[in-house]
Amino acid sequence: MNPSDSTSNRIMELELQLMHLQKDFESLNEVVLDQHRRLEEHQRNIDSLVRKLETGLGDLDERSPEDEKPPHY
């Protein structure tokens, strides 16, 4: 067995492993970016709901119990 062949085979094996690692890295990166986009969307939804809730609670504070009709009317 020629030492050059052994080195060549090792280099080829390393290149194949690197190629697989790069593919895995790109796949994981896409997942992380997708999760980041979803997290931002959820945060926007939460912020919107909080604003609506705060606005709704503000309306409750302005109403007087005398303005409300009893349930039997």
Protein backbone atom coordinates (compact mmCIF):
# COMPACT_ATOMS: atom_id res chain seq x y z
CA MET A 1 0.00 0.00 0.00
CA ASN A 2 1.37 3.31 -1.08
CA PRO A 3 1.46 6.00 1.68
CA SER A 4 0.23 8.52 -0.86
CA ASP A 5 -2.93 6.44 -1.40
CA SER A 6 -3.58 6.34 2.33
CA THR A 7 -3.21 10.11 2.62
CA SER A 8 -5.40 10.65 -0.41
CA ASN A 9 -8.10 8.38 1.05
CA ARG A 10 -7.96 10.18 4.39
CA ILE A 11 -8.26 13.55 2.70
CA MET A 12 -11.19 12.32 0.65
CA GLU A 13 -12.90 10.96 3.78
CA LEU A 14 -12.34 14.26 5.57
CA GLU A 15 -13.76 16.19 2.64
CA LEU A 16 -16.86 13.99 2.65
CA GLN A 17 -17.33 14.52 6.37
CA LEU A 18 -16.91 18.25 5.94
CA MET A 19 -19.49 18.26 3.16
CA HIS A 20 -22.00 16.46 5.40
CA LEU A 21 -21.27 18.84 8.27
CA GLN A 22 -21.83 21.84 6.02
CA LYS A 23 -25.16 20.41 4.87
CA ASP A 24 -26.20 19.77 8.47
CA PHE A 25 -25.13 23.27 9.47
CA GLU A 26 -27.19 24.83 6.68
CA SER A 27 -30.23 22.76 7.68
CA LEU A 28 -29.89 23.74 11.32
CA ASN A 29 -29.40 27.37 10.37
CA GLU A 30 -32.67 27.32 8.40
CA VAL A 31 -34.47 25.85 11.42
CA VAL A 32 -33.03 28.52 13.72
CA LEU A 33 -34.02 31.30 11.31
CA ASP A 34 -37.54 29.89 11.00
CA GLN A 35 -37.84 29.69 14.79
CA HIS A 36 -36.63 33.29 15.05
CA ARG A 37 -39.27 34.46 12.56
CA ARG A 38 -41.99 32.57 14.45
CA LEU A 39 -40.82 33.99 17.77
CA GLU A 40 -40.95 37.54 16.38
CA GLU A 41 -44.46 36.90 15.03
CA HIS A 42 -45.60 35.56 18.39
CA GLN A 43 -44.09 38.56 20.15
CA ARG A 44 -45.96 40.92 17.81
CA ASN A 45 -49.19 39.04 18.53
CA ILE A 46 -48.59 39.21 22.28
CA ASP A 47 -47.83 42.94 22.09
CA SER A 48 -51.03 43.50 20.13
CA LEU A 49 -53.10 41.51 22.62
CA VAL A 50 -51.56 43.39 25.55
CA ARG A 51 -52.44 46.73 23.92
CA LYS A 52 -56.02 45.54 23.31
CA LEU A 53 -56.29 44.29 26.87
CA GLU A 54 -54.95 47.55 28.29
CA THR A 55 -57.38 49.52 26.12
CA GLY A 56 -60.26 47.29 27.20
CA LEU A 57 -59.39 47.63 30.88
CA GLY A 58 -59.18 51.38 30.46
CA ASP A 59 -62.75 51.35 29.14
CA LEU A 60 -63.88 49.38 32.19
CA ASP A 61 -62.42 51.98 34.53
CA GLU A 62 -64.40 54.77 32.84
CA ARG A 63 -67.79 53.04 33.24
CA SER A 64 -69.86 53.60 36.29
CA PRO A 65 -71.81 50.76 37.95
CA GLU A 66 -74.90 53.00 37.78
CA ASP A 67 -74.68 52.96 33.97
CA GLU A 68 -75.05 49.21 33.79
CA LYS A 69 -78.45 47.55 33.67
CA PRO A 70 -79.19 44.74 36.09
CA PRO A 71 -79.20 41.28 34.46
CA HIS A 72 -83.00 40.90 34.62
CA TYR A 73 -83.66 43.85 32.26
